[in-house]
Amino acid sequence: MNIERIQLKGQLAEAKAEYRNLDVEASGLVILVRSLLNPFEDDNTKQETEKALVSLTRLNEIVTELRRLKKKIQDLEAYFD
């Protein structure tokens, strides 16, 4: 097996691991945002919008990175097919 293939397999494994970690973090943030924004709250001034905004900003960053990683993983896997 040549050295380039070994390096690419390592990159693929790293990308998959990073994807899994970010996916878990994103799932947690979705749950957190849902708990912060209560649709059944009568008084909207009690909504924790500042905390939700911080979480949503991070979630948006993660989703952007997940999309990039997904493309990278697909490209690397296509190389091995």
Protein backbone atom coordinates (compact mmCIF):
# COMPACT_ATOMS: atom_id res chain seq x y z
CA MET A 1 0.00 0.00 0.00
CA ASN A 2 1.52 3.32 -0.97
CA ILE A 3 2.08 6.15 1.45
CA GLU A 4 -0.53 8.48 -0.13
CA ARG A 5 -3.30 5.93 0.37
CA ILE A 6 -2.33 5.49 4.00
CA GLN A 7 -2.36 9.27 4.52
CA LEU A 8 -5.76 9.58 2.86
CA LYS A 9 -7.16 6.78 5.01
CA GLY A 10 -5.89 8.63 8.07
CA GLN A 11 -7.54 11.85 6.88
CA LEU A 12 -10.78 9.96 6.30
CA ALA A 13 -10.72 8.47 9.79
CA GLU A 14 -10.01 11.89 11.34
CA ALA A 15 -12.81 13.55 9.36
CA LYS A 16 -15.30 10.86 10.41
CA ALA A 17 -14.30 11.18 14.07
CA GLU A 18 -14.61 14.97 13.95
CA TYR A 19 -17.98 14.66 12.21
CA ARG A 20 -19.29 12.34 14.93
CA ASN A 21 -18.11 14.66 17.71
CA LEU A 22 -19.66 17.73 16.12
CA ASP A 23 -22.88 15.84 15.39
CA VAL A 24 -23.22 14.96 19.08
CA GLU A 25 -22.57 18.58 20.07
CA ALA A 26 -25.17 19.79 17.55
CA SER A 27 -27.77 17.38 18.94
CA GLY A 28 -27.15 18.70 22.43
CA LEU A 29 -27.49 22.30 21.27
CA VAL A 30 -30.82 21.57 19.59
CA ILE A 31 -32.14 20.16 22.87
CA LEU A 32 -30.76 23.15 24.78
CA VAL A 33 -32.36 25.69 22.42
CA ARG A 34 -35.69 23.91 22.68
CA SER A 35 -35.52 24.11 26.45
CA LEU A 36 -34.58 27.80 26.40
CA LEU A 37 -37.38 28.83 24.05
CA ASN A 38 -40.63 27.68 25.58
CA PRO A 39 -43.51 27.99 23.08
CA PHE A 40 -46.02 27.60 25.91
CA GLU A 41 -44.74 30.58 27.89
CA ASP A 42 -47.43 33.27 28.06
CA ASP A 43 -45.01 36.05 28.96
CA ASN A 44 -42.43 36.31 26.16
CA THR A 45 -40.27 38.55 28.31
CA LYS A 46 -39.34 35.43 30.29
CA GLN A 47 -37.80 33.73 27.23
CA GLU A 48 -34.06 33.20 27.52
CA THR A 49 -33.29 34.61 24.11
CA GLU A 50 -29.71 35.69 24.84
CA LYS A 51 -28.71 32.16 25.82
CA ALA A 52 -30.63 30.76 22.86
CA LEU A 53 -28.86 33.15 20.49
CA VAL A 54 -25.43 32.07 21.71
CA SER A 55 -26.42 28.42 21.31
CA LEU A 56 -27.93 29.00 17.88
CA THR A 57 -24.82 30.83 16.72
CA ARG A 58 -22.66 27.90 17.79
CA LEU A 59 -25.13 25.47 16.20
CA ASN A 60 -24.90 27.38 12.92
CA GLU A 61 -21.09 27.17 13.02
CA ILE A 62 -21.28 23.43 13.66
CA VAL A 63 -23.76 22.82 10.84
CA THR A 64 -21.50 24.70 8.42
CA GLU A 65 -18.54 22.58 9.53
CA LEU A 66 -20.60 19.37 9.30
CA ARG A 67 -21.49 20.19 5.70
CA ARG A 68 -17.82 20.78 4.88
CA LEU A 69 -16.79 17.53 6.56
CA LYS A 70 -19.55 15.56 4.85
CA LYS A 71 -18.28 16.73 1.46
CA LYS A 72 -14.69 15.90 2.42
CA ILE A 73 -15.70 12.42 3.61
CA GLN A 74 -17.63 11.78 0.40
CA ASP A 75 -14.67 12.89 -1.71
CA LEU A 76 -12.23 10.72 0.23
CA GLU A 77 -14.53 7.69 0.10
CA ALA A 78 -14.98 8.17 -3.65
CA TYR A 79 -11.21 7.96 -4.02
CA PHE A 80 -11.23 4.49 -2.45
CA ASP A 81 -14.15 3.16 -4.54
